[in-house]
Amino acid sequence: MRTQRRRALSEHDRATWALYVRHVSPLAGVAMPDAPPEPVMTPLSASQVVPSVALPVVKRLAALQIGHAPPGVDKATWSRFRTGKLSATRTLDLHGRTAQRAFFALQDFLGSAHAEKLRCVEVITGRGSGETGGVIRREFPLWLNAPELRPLVLAAAHPHAANPGSVRLLLRRVRPVK
């Protein structure tokens, strides 16, 4: 059976308890409870000590903007990608989905495309109605910069200037671990 270690109460915890107890009237025949006792702290044995693990340094990526050349893409690749000459190997259509379902579908789509080492994919958000477009189109740039998706995507651009409802994504290459 696993025993649970109790954490010591801080002075703030004790003061909060004292304020609470002042407003409570005990039941008939029952004494007012005292503050919880301080737990006895015992030193940890060698088997209970957890070794410290050095966490990998995560490089913060610059925010991704649709249609802007990111660092790390050469001019020839960016030109082919931006003008739509780099063909998409897979397409995801988000029409008719709620924003939440569209986000989860995008996560699954990009995760599997990255795992399959695809280089260029296309996501159809739709143009939406109104001046700024639909919800999915407005939220899409925010989704691309989410911590779970940003490491997968290198660049984003509309394949044709007349079609803002479609976005091509250039995925990062899978680098072997050394």
N, C-alpha and C. Protein backbone atom coordinates (compact mmCIF):
# COMPACT_ATOMS: atom_id res chain seq x y z
N MET A 1 0.84 -1.17 0.00
CA MET A 1 0.00 0.00 0.00
C MET A 1 0.89 1.24 0.00
N ARG A 2 0.57 2.18 -0.81
CA ARG A 2 1.34 3.40 -0.94
C ARG A 2 0.87 4.43 0.09
N THR A 3 1.81 4.99 0.82
CA THR A 3 1.45 6.02 1.78
C THR A 3 1.64 7.38 1.14
N GLN A 4 0.81 8.30 1.52
CA GLN A 4 0.86 9.63 0.93
C GLN A 4 1.61 10.56 1.87
N ARG A 5 2.56 11.31 1.33
CA ARG A 5 3.32 12.27 2.13
C ARG A 5 2.48 13.53 2.29
N ARG A 6 2.45 14.07 3.49
CA ARG A 6 1.72 15.30 3.75
C ARG A 6 2.68 16.47 3.63
N ARG A 7 2.21 17.51 3.02
CA ARG A 7 3.06 18.68 2.89
C ARG A 7 2.86 19.57 4.10
N ALA A 8 3.91 20.26 4.49
CA ALA A 8 3.84 21.16 5.64
C ALA A 8 2.98 22.37 5.30
N LEU A 9 2.23 22.84 6.30
CA LEU A 9 1.38 24.01 6.09
C LEU A 9 2.21 25.27 6.20
N SER A 10 1.96 26.20 5.33
CA SER A 10 2.66 27.48 5.38
C SER A 10 1.96 28.38 6.40
N GLU A 11 2.59 29.48 6.71
CA GLU A 11 1.97 30.44 7.62
C GLU A 11 0.67 30.98 7.04
N HIS A 12 0.64 31.16 5.72
CA HIS A 12 -0.58 31.63 5.06
C HIS A 12 -1.71 30.61 5.23
N ASP A 13 -1.38 29.31 5.10
CA ASP A 13 -2.39 28.26 5.27
C ASP A 13 -2.95 28.28 6.70
N ARG A 14 -2.06 28.45 7.68
CA ARG A 14 -2.49 28.47 9.08
C ARG A 14 -3.37 29.71 9.35
N ALA A 15 -3.01 30.85 8.78
CA ALA A 15 -3.81 32.06 8.98
C ALA A 15 -5.18 31.90 8.33
N THR A 16 -5.24 31.30 7.15
CA THR A 16 -6.52 31.06 6.48
C THR A 16 -7.39 30.13 7.31
N TRP A 17 -6.80 29.09 7.88
CA TRP A 17 -7.55 28.15 8.73
C TRP A 17 -8.12 28.88 9.95
N ALA A 18 -7.31 29.73 10.57
CA ALA A 18 -7.77 30.46 11.75
C ALA A 18 -8.94 31.38 11.40
N LEU A 19 -8.88 32.07 10.25
CA LEU A 19 -10.00 32.93 9.83
C LEU A 19 -11.26 32.11 9.58
N TYR A 20 -11.10 30.95 8.98
CA TYR A 20 -12.25 30.10 8.68
C TYR A 20 -12.90 29.58 9.96
N VAL A 21 -12.08 29.13 10.89
CA VAL A 21 -12.59 28.52 12.11
C VAL A 21 -13.35 29.55 12.96
N ARG A 22 -12.98 30.82 12.89
CA ARG A 22 -13.68 31.85 13.67
C ARG A 22 -15.15 31.96 13.29
N HIS A 23 -15.51 31.63 12.07
CA HIS A 23 -16.87 31.78 11.58
C HIS A 23 -17.69 30.50 11.66
N VAL A 24 -17.11 29.46 12.21
CA VAL A 24 -17.80 28.18 12.29
C VAL A 24 -18.21 27.92 13.72
N SER A 25 -19.45 27.54 13.92
CA SER A 25 -19.88 27.17 15.28
C SER A 25 -19.92 25.65 15.36
N PRO A 26 -19.31 25.08 16.40
CA PRO A 26 -19.25 23.63 16.49
C PRO A 26 -20.62 23.03 16.78
N LEU A 27 -20.77 21.78 16.42
CA LEU A 27 -21.99 21.05 16.72
C LEU A 27 -22.09 20.86 18.23
N ALA A 28 -23.29 20.66 18.69
CA ALA A 28 -23.49 20.46 20.13
C ALA A 28 -22.72 19.22 20.59
N GLY A 29 -21.91 19.39 21.64
CA GLY A 29 -21.16 18.28 22.20
C GLY A 29 -19.87 17.97 21.47
N VAL A 30 -19.51 18.77 20.46
CA VAL A 30 -18.28 18.53 19.70
C VAL A 30 -17.36 19.73 19.89
N ALA A 31 -16.11 19.46 20.21
CA ALA A 31 -15.14 20.55 20.43
C ALA A 31 -14.67 21.09 19.09
N MET A 32 -14.26 22.36 19.09
CA MET A 32 -13.73 23.02 17.88
C MET A 32 -12.40 22.36 17.51
N PRO A 33 -12.25 21.95 16.23
CA PRO A 33 -10.98 21.32 15.85
C PRO A 33 -9.85 22.33 15.83
N ASP A 34 -8.67 21.85 16.20
CA ASP A 34 -7.47 22.68 16.15
C ASP A 34 -6.92 22.67 14.73
N ALA A 35 -5.96 23.53 14.50
CA ALA A 35 -5.28 23.55 13.21
C ALA A 35 -4.60 22.20 13.01
N PRO A 36 -4.52 21.73 11.80
CA PRO A 36 -3.86 20.44 11.56
C PRO A 36 -2.42 20.49 12.08
N PRO A 37 -1.95 19.39 12.67
CA PRO A 37 -0.59 19.39 13.21
C PRO A 37 0.44 19.41 12.09
N GLU A 38 1.60 19.91 12.44
CA GLU A 38 2.71 19.92 11.47
C GLU A 38 3.14 18.48 11.26
N PRO A 39 3.30 18.04 10.03
CA PRO A 39 3.78 16.68 9.81
C PRO A 39 5.25 16.57 10.18
N VAL A 40 5.61 15.39 10.60
CA VAL A 40 7.01 15.13 10.94
C VAL A 40 7.76 14.88 9.64
N MET A 41 8.75 15.67 9.41
CA MET A 41 9.53 15.54 8.18
C MET A 41 10.69 14.59 8.43
N THR A 42 10.73 13.53 7.66
CA THR A 42 11.83 12.58 7.77
C THR A 42 12.72 12.72 6.55
N PRO A 43 14.02 12.55 6.73
CA PRO A 43 14.90 12.65 5.57
C PRO A 43 14.62 11.51 4.59
N LEU A 44 14.79 11.80 3.31
CA LEU A 44 14.57 10.79 2.28
C LEU A 44 15.71 9.78 2.27
N SER A 45 15.34 8.53 2.05
CA SER A 45 16.39 7.52 1.91
C SER A 45 16.94 7.58 0.49
N ALA A 46 18.02 6.89 0.26
CA ALA A 46 18.66 6.91 -1.06
C ALA A 46 17.74 6.38 -2.15
N SER A 47 16.85 5.44 -1.82
CA SER A 47 15.95 4.87 -2.82
C SER A 47 14.82 5.82 -3.19
N GLN A 48 14.53 6.83 -2.32
CA GLN A 48 13.46 7.77 -2.58
C GLN A 48 13.91 9.01 -3.34
N VAL A 49 15.21 9.23 -3.42
CA VAL A 49 15.75 10.41 -4.08
C VAL A 49 15.59 10.26 -5.59
N VAL A 50 15.01 11.25 -6.21
CA VAL A 50 14.82 11.24 -7.65
C VAL A 50 15.99 11.98 -8.29
N PRO A 51 16.72 11.33 -9.19
CA PRO A 51 17.85 12.03 -9.82
C PRO A 51 17.34 13.16 -10.71
N SER A 52 18.10 14.23 -10.75
CA SER A 52 17.70 15.34 -11.60
C SER A 52 18.01 15.00 -13.05
N VAL A 53 17.11 15.40 -13.92
CA VAL A 53 17.26 15.11 -15.34
C VAL A 53 17.40 16.43 -16.07
N ALA A 54 18.41 16.52 -16.91
CA ALA A 54 18.59 17.73 -17.70
C ALA A 54 17.55 17.75 -18.80
N LEU A 55 16.71 18.77 -18.82
CA LEU A 55 15.68 18.90 -19.85
C LEU A 55 16.29 19.47 -21.11
N PRO A 56 15.84 19.02 -22.28
CA PRO A 56 16.38 19.57 -23.51
C PRO A 56 16.00 21.04 -23.68
N VAL A 57 16.88 21.78 -24.27
CA VAL A 57 16.62 23.19 -24.53
C VAL A 57 15.73 23.29 -25.76
N VAL A 58 14.58 23.93 -25.60
CA VAL A 58 13.64 24.08 -26.70
C VAL A 58 13.85 25.47 -27.30
N LYS A 59 14.15 25.48 -28.59
CA LYS A 59 14.36 26.74 -29.28
C LYS A 59 13.01 27.38 -29.59
N ARG A 60 12.84 28.63 -29.21
CA ARG A 60 11.59 29.34 -29.48
C ARG A 60 11.56 29.73 -30.95
N LEU A 61 10.51 29.34 -31.62
CA LEU A 61 10.36 29.63 -33.03
C LEU A 61 9.65 30.96 -33.23
N ALA A 62 10.05 31.66 -34.27
CA ALA A 62 9.40 32.93 -34.60
C ALA A 62 7.96 32.66 -35.03
N ALA A 63 7.10 33.63 -34.80
CA ALA A 63 5.70 33.49 -35.18
C ALA A 63 5.58 33.32 -36.69
N LEU A 64 4.74 32.40 -37.09
CA LEU A 64 4.53 32.11 -38.50
C LEU A 64 3.45 33.03 -39.05
N GLN A 65 3.73 33.66 -40.19
CA GLN A 65 2.76 34.53 -40.84
C GLN A 65 2.51 34.00 -42.25
N ILE A 66 1.26 33.93 -42.62
CA ILE A 66 0.91 33.41 -43.94
C ILE A 66 1.35 34.41 -45.00
N GLY A 67 2.16 33.94 -45.95
CA GLY A 67 2.61 34.77 -47.05
C GLY A 67 3.93 35.48 -46.83
N HIS A 68 4.56 35.32 -45.67
CA HIS A 68 5.85 35.93 -45.39
C HIS A 68 6.93 34.86 -45.35
N ALA A 69 8.06 35.14 -46.00
CA ALA A 69 9.16 34.19 -46.05
C ALA A 69 9.79 34.04 -44.67
N PRO A 70 9.81 32.83 -44.12
CA PRO A 70 10.42 32.62 -42.81
C PRO A 70 11.92 32.40 -42.95
N PRO A 71 12.67 32.56 -41.87
CA PRO A 71 14.09 32.22 -41.94
C PRO A 71 14.24 30.71 -42.13
N GLY A 72 15.21 30.31 -42.88
CA GLY A 72 15.45 28.89 -43.10
C GLY A 72 14.94 28.38 -44.44
N VAL A 73 14.32 29.23 -45.23
CA VAL A 73 13.84 28.82 -46.56
C VAL A 73 14.59 29.64 -47.60
N ASP A 74 15.26 28.95 -48.53
CA ASP A 74 16.01 29.68 -49.56
C ASP A 74 15.05 30.33 -50.55
N LYS A 75 15.56 31.31 -51.31
CA LYS A 75 14.72 32.10 -52.21
C LYS A 75 14.04 31.26 -53.29
N ALA A 76 14.75 30.30 -53.85
CA ALA A 76 14.17 29.47 -54.92
C ALA A 76 13.01 28.63 -54.39
N THR A 77 13.21 28.01 -53.23
CA THR A 77 12.14 27.19 -52.64
C THR A 77 10.95 28.06 -52.27
N TRP A 78 11.22 29.23 -51.67
CA TRP A 78 10.13 30.13 -51.28
C TRP A 78 9.36 30.60 -52.51
N SER A 79 10.06 30.91 -53.58
CA SER A 79 9.39 31.38 -54.80
C SER A 79 8.51 30.28 -55.38
N ARG A 80 9.02 29.05 -55.45
CA ARG A 80 8.21 27.93 -55.97
C ARG A 80 7.01 27.66 -55.05
N PHE A 81 7.24 27.73 -53.77
CA PHE A 81 6.17 27.47 -52.80
C PHE A 81 5.11 28.56 -52.84
N ARG A 82 5.52 29.82 -52.82
CA ARG A 82 4.59 30.95 -52.78
C ARG A 82 3.75 31.05 -54.04
N THR A 83 4.31 30.73 -55.18
CA THR A 83 3.56 30.84 -56.43
C THR A 83 2.73 29.60 -56.75
N GLY A 84 2.79 28.59 -55.88
CA GLY A 84 1.97 27.39 -56.09
C GLY A 84 2.60 26.37 -57.01
N LYS A 85 3.86 26.54 -57.37
CA LYS A 85 4.53 25.58 -58.25
C LYS A 85 5.01 24.35 -57.50
N LEU A 86 5.11 24.43 -56.19
CA LEU A 86 5.44 23.27 -55.36
C LEU A 86 4.12 22.61 -55.02
N SER A 87 3.85 21.48 -55.62
CA SER A 87 2.52 20.88 -55.49
C SER A 87 2.32 20.23 -54.12
N ALA A 88 1.09 20.32 -53.66
CA ALA A 88 0.72 19.71 -52.39
C ALA A 88 0.46 18.23 -52.58
N THR A 89 1.01 17.41 -51.68
CA THR A 89 0.82 15.97 -51.79
C THR A 89 -0.44 15.49 -51.09
N ARG A 90 -0.98 16.29 -50.21
CA ARG A 90 -2.21 15.91 -49.51
C ARG A 90 -3.01 17.17 -49.21
N THR A 91 -4.34 17.04 -49.15
CA THR A 91 -5.23 18.18 -48.91
C THR A 91 -6.20 17.86 -47.78
N LEU A 92 -6.46 18.86 -46.94
CA LEU A 92 -7.45 18.75 -45.88
C LEU A 92 -8.48 19.84 -46.09
N ASP A 93 -9.75 19.44 -46.17
CA ASP A 93 -10.83 20.41 -46.35
C ASP A 93 -11.56 20.58 -45.02
N LEU A 94 -11.57 21.79 -44.49
CA LEU A 94 -12.18 22.06 -43.19
C LEU A 94 -13.59 22.65 -43.30
N HIS A 95 -14.15 22.69 -44.52
CA HIS A 95 -15.51 23.22 -44.71
C HIS A 95 -16.51 22.46 -43.84
N GLY A 96 -17.45 23.18 -43.29
CA GLY A 96 -18.57 22.56 -42.58
C GLY A 96 -18.23 22.04 -41.19
N ARG A 97 -17.06 22.32 -40.67
CA ARG A 97 -16.70 21.84 -39.33
C ARG A 97 -16.79 22.98 -38.33
N THR A 98 -17.01 22.61 -37.09
CA THR A 98 -16.93 23.62 -36.04
C THR A 98 -15.45 23.96 -35.85
N ALA A 99 -15.17 25.06 -35.20
CA ALA A 99 -13.78 25.48 -35.00
C ALA A 99 -13.00 24.43 -34.21
N GLN A 100 -13.62 23.87 -33.20
CA GLN A 100 -12.92 22.88 -32.38
C GLN A 100 -12.62 21.61 -33.18
N ARG A 101 -13.59 21.13 -33.93
CA ARG A 101 -13.35 19.93 -34.75
C ARG A 101 -12.34 20.21 -35.85
N ALA A 102 -12.37 21.40 -36.40
CA ALA A 102 -11.41 21.77 -37.43
C ALA A 102 -9.99 21.79 -36.86
N PHE A 103 -9.83 22.32 -35.65
CA PHE A 103 -8.51 22.36 -35.02
C PHE A 103 -7.97 20.94 -34.78
N PHE A 104 -8.82 20.07 -34.25
CA PHE A 104 -8.37 18.70 -33.99
C PHE A 104 -8.07 17.96 -35.29
N ALA A 105 -8.85 18.21 -36.33
CA ALA A 105 -8.58 17.60 -37.63
C ALA A 105 -7.25 18.10 -38.18
N LEU A 106 -6.98 19.40 -38.01
CA LEU A 106 -5.71 19.97 -38.46
C LEU A 106 -4.54 19.36 -37.70
N GLN A 107 -4.69 19.18 -36.39
CA GLN A 107 -3.64 18.55 -35.59
C GLN A 107 -3.34 17.15 -36.10
N ASP A 108 -4.38 16.35 -36.29
CA ASP A 108 -4.19 14.98 -36.78
C ASP A 108 -3.56 14.97 -38.17
N PHE A 109 -4.05 15.84 -39.03
CA PHE A 109 -3.57 15.92 -40.41
C PHE A 109 -2.09 16.27 -40.46
N LEU A 110 -1.71 17.32 -39.75
CA LEU A 110 -0.30 17.74 -39.76
C LEU A 110 0.61 16.73 -39.08
N GLY A 111 0.12 16.13 -38.01
CA GLY A 111 0.91 15.11 -37.33
C GLY A 111 1.20 13.92 -38.23
N SER A 112 0.18 13.43 -38.93
CA SER A 112 0.39 12.27 -39.81
C SER A 112 1.20 12.66 -41.04
N ALA A 113 0.99 13.85 -41.58
CA ALA A 113 1.76 14.29 -42.74
C ALA A 113 3.24 14.44 -42.38
N HIS A 114 3.51 14.96 -41.22
CA HIS A 114 4.90 15.13 -40.77
C HIS A 114 5.54 13.76 -40.52
N ALA A 115 4.77 12.85 -39.92
CA ALA A 115 5.28 11.50 -39.67
C ALA A 115 5.58 10.75 -40.97
N GLU A 116 4.78 11.03 -42.00
CA GLU A 116 5.00 10.39 -43.30
C GLU A 116 6.03 11.13 -44.14
N LYS A 117 6.64 12.16 -43.56
CA LYS A 117 7.71 12.94 -44.20
C LYS A 117 7.25 13.65 -45.47
N LEU A 118 5.99 14.11 -45.46
CA LEU A 118 5.49 14.90 -46.59
C LEU A 118 6.08 16.30 -46.48
N ARG A 119 6.29 16.94 -47.62
CA ARG A 119 6.92 18.26 -47.62
C ARG A 119 5.91 19.40 -47.75
N CYS A 120 4.91 19.23 -48.61
CA CYS A 120 3.96 20.31 -48.87
C CYS A 120 2.54 19.75 -48.81
N VAL A 121 1.69 20.40 -48.00
CA VAL A 121 0.29 20.01 -47.89
C VAL A 121 -0.57 21.26 -48.06
N GLU A 122 -1.85 21.04 -48.34
CA GLU A 122 -2.76 22.17 -48.51
C GLU A 122 -3.94 22.01 -47.57
N VAL A 123 -4.36 23.11 -46.96
CA VAL A 123 -5.51 23.13 -46.06
C VAL A 123 -6.50 24.13 -46.63
N ILE A 124 -7.72 23.67 -46.85
CA ILE A 124 -8.78 24.53 -47.37
C ILE A 124 -9.62 24.98 -46.19
N THR A 125 -9.52 26.27 -45.87
CA THR A 125 -10.30 26.84 -44.76
C THR A 125 -11.62 27.38 -45.24
N GLY A 126 -11.70 27.72 -46.50
CA GLY A 126 -12.88 28.37 -47.05
C GLY A 126 -12.76 29.86 -46.85
N ARG A 127 -13.41 30.61 -47.70
CA ARG A 127 -13.32 32.07 -47.59
C ARG A 127 -14.24 32.61 -46.51
N GLY A 128 -15.33 31.94 -46.26
CA GLY A 128 -16.26 32.41 -45.24
C GLY A 128 -17.06 33.60 -45.72
N SER A 129 -18.07 33.94 -44.97
CA SER A 129 -18.87 35.12 -45.32
C SER A 129 -18.45 36.28 -44.44
N GLY A 130 -18.64 37.45 -44.93
CA GLY A 130 -18.25 38.63 -44.17
C GLY A 130 -16.93 39.20 -44.65
N GLU A 131 -16.56 40.32 -44.08
CA GLU A 131 -15.36 41.02 -44.51
C GLU A 131 -14.08 40.29 -44.15
N THR A 132 -14.03 39.74 -42.94
CA THR A 132 -12.79 39.09 -42.49
C THR A 132 -12.80 37.59 -42.71
N GLY A 133 -13.84 37.07 -43.33
CA GLY A 133 -13.91 35.63 -43.59
C GLY A 133 -14.58 34.90 -42.45
N GLY A 134 -14.56 33.56 -42.54
CA GLY A 134 -15.20 32.73 -41.54
C GLY A 134 -14.32 32.54 -40.31
N VAL A 135 -14.87 31.85 -39.33
CA VAL A 135 -14.17 31.62 -38.07
C VAL A 135 -12.90 30.81 -38.29
N ILE A 136 -13.00 29.76 -39.08
CA ILE A 136 -11.83 28.90 -39.30
C ILE A 136 -10.72 29.68 -40.00
N ARG A 137 -11.07 30.47 -40.97
CA ARG A 137 -10.06 31.26 -41.69
C ARG A 137 -9.39 32.28 -40.76
N ARG A 138 -10.16 32.88 -39.87
CA ARG A 138 -9.59 33.86 -38.93
C ARG A 138 -8.71 33.17 -37.88
N GLU A 139 -9.11 31.99 -37.43
CA GLU A 139 -8.38 31.29 -36.37
C GLU A 139 -7.16 30.53 -36.90
N PHE A 140 -7.14 30.22 -38.17
CA PHE A 140 -6.10 29.37 -38.74
C PHE A 140 -4.67 29.86 -38.45
N PRO A 141 -4.34 31.15 -38.62
CA PRO A 141 -2.98 31.58 -38.29
C PRO A 141 -2.63 31.38 -36.81
N LEU A 142 -3.60 31.52 -35.94
CA LEU A 142 -3.36 31.28 -34.51
C LEU A 142 -3.09 29.81 -34.25
N TRP A 143 -3.82 28.95 -34.92
CA TRP A 143 -3.61 27.51 -34.76
C TRP A 143 -2.22 27.11 -35.22
N LEU A 144 -1.77 27.69 -36.33
CA LEU A 144 -0.45 27.33 -36.83
C LEU A 144 0.66 27.72 -35.86
N ASN A 145 0.42 28.74 -35.04
CA ASN A 145 1.41 29.18 -34.07
C ASN A 145 1.23 28.54 -32.69
N ALA A 146 0.29 27.62 -32.58
CA ALA A 146 0.10 26.91 -31.32
C ALA A 146 1.33 26.04 -31.04
N PRO A 147 1.69 25.86 -29.77
CA PRO A 147 2.91 25.12 -29.44
C PRO A 147 2.97 23.70 -29.99
N GLU A 148 1.82 23.06 -30.18
CA GLU A 148 1.83 21.69 -30.69
C GLU A 148 1.95 21.62 -32.21
N LEU A 149 1.63 22.71 -32.92
CA LEU A 149 1.70 22.70 -34.38
C LEU A 149 2.88 23.48 -34.95
N ARG A 150 3.32 24.51 -34.26
CA ARG A 150 4.38 25.38 -34.80
C ARG A 150 5.67 24.63 -35.12
N PRO A 151 6.10 23.66 -34.33
CA PRO A 151 7.33 22.95 -34.68
C PRO A 151 7.23 22.10 -35.95
N LEU A 152 6.01 21.83 -36.42
CA LEU A 152 5.84 21.00 -37.62
C LEU A 152 5.86 21.81 -38.91
N VAL A 153 5.49 23.10 -38.84
CA VAL A 153 5.29 23.92 -40.04
C VAL A 153 6.44 24.90 -40.20
N LEU A 154 7.01 24.93 -41.40
CA LEU A 154 8.11 25.85 -41.70
C LEU A 154 7.59 27.14 -42.32
N ALA A 155 6.63 27.04 -43.25
CA ALA A 155 6.13 28.22 -43.94
C ALA A 155 4.68 28.00 -44.35
N ALA A 156 3.99 29.12 -44.60
CA ALA A 156 2.59 29.07 -45.04
C ALA A 156 2.36 30.18 -46.06
N ALA A 157 1.60 29.85 -47.11
CA ALA A 157 1.29 30.85 -48.14
C ALA A 157 0.02 30.43 -48.86
N HIS A 158 -0.67 31.42 -49.42
CA HIS A 158 -1.82 31.14 -50.27
C HIS A 158 -1.27 30.76 -51.64
N PRO A 159 -1.73 29.65 -52.21
CA PRO A 159 -1.18 29.22 -53.50
C PRO A 159 -1.55 30.14 -54.66
N HIS A 160 -2.60 30.93 -54.47
CA HIS A 160 -3.00 31.87 -55.50
C HIS A 160 -3.57 33.10 -54.81
N ALA A 161 -3.18 34.27 -55.25
CA ALA A 161 -3.61 35.52 -54.59
C ALA A 161 -5.12 35.70 -54.60
N ALA A 162 -5.79 35.14 -55.59
CA ALA A 162 -7.24 35.30 -55.69
C ALA A 162 -8.01 34.32 -54.82
N ASN A 163 -7.31 33.40 -54.16
CA ASN A 163 -7.99 32.40 -53.34
C ASN A 163 -7.46 32.43 -51.91
N PRO A 164 -7.99 33.31 -51.05
CA PRO A 164 -7.53 33.36 -49.66
C PRO A 164 -8.11 32.23 -48.80
N GLY A 165 -8.97 31.39 -49.35
CA GLY A 165 -9.58 30.30 -48.61
C GLY A 165 -8.78 29.02 -48.63
N SER A 166 -7.58 29.06 -49.17
CA SER A 166 -6.73 27.89 -49.24
C SER A 166 -5.32 28.30 -48.81
N VAL A 167 -4.67 27.46 -48.03
CA VAL A 167 -3.33 27.76 -47.54
C VAL A 167 -2.46 26.54 -47.76
N ARG A 168 -1.31 26.76 -48.38
CA ARG A 168 -0.33 25.70 -48.53
C ARG A 168 0.65 25.79 -47.38
N LEU A 169 1.03 24.65 -46.84
CA LEU A 169 1.96 24.59 -45.72
C LEU A 169 3.21 23.82 -46.13
N LEU A 170 4.36 24.40 -45.88
CA LEU A 170 5.63 23.74 -46.10
C LEU A 170 6.05 23.17 -44.76
N LEU A 171 6.10 21.84 -44.68
CA LEU A 171 6.40 21.19 -43.41
C LEU A 171 7.90 21.06 -43.21
N ARG A 172 8.29 21.05 -41.94
CA ARG A 172 9.70 20.86 -41.62
C ARG A 172 10.11 19.43 -41.95
N ARG A 173 11.35 19.28 -42.33
CA ARG A 173 11.88 17.95 -42.60
C ARG A 173 12.15 17.24 -41.29
N VAL A 174 11.96 15.94 -41.31
CA VAL A 174 12.26 15.13 -40.13
C VAL A 174 13.75 14.88 -40.14
N ARG A 175 14.44 15.40 -39.14
CA ARG A 175 15.88 15.23 -39.03
C ARG A 175 16.18 14.02 -38.14
N PRO A 176 17.12 13.17 -38.59
CA PRO A 176 17.46 12.02 -37.74
C PRO A 176 18.13 12.49 -36.44
N VAL A 177 17.84 11.78 -35.36
CA VAL A 177 18.41 12.11 -34.07
C VAL A 177 19.84 11.58 -34.03
N LYS A 178 20.75 12.43 -33.60
CA LYS A 178 22.17 12.01 -33.56
C LYS A 178 22.51 11.43 -32.24
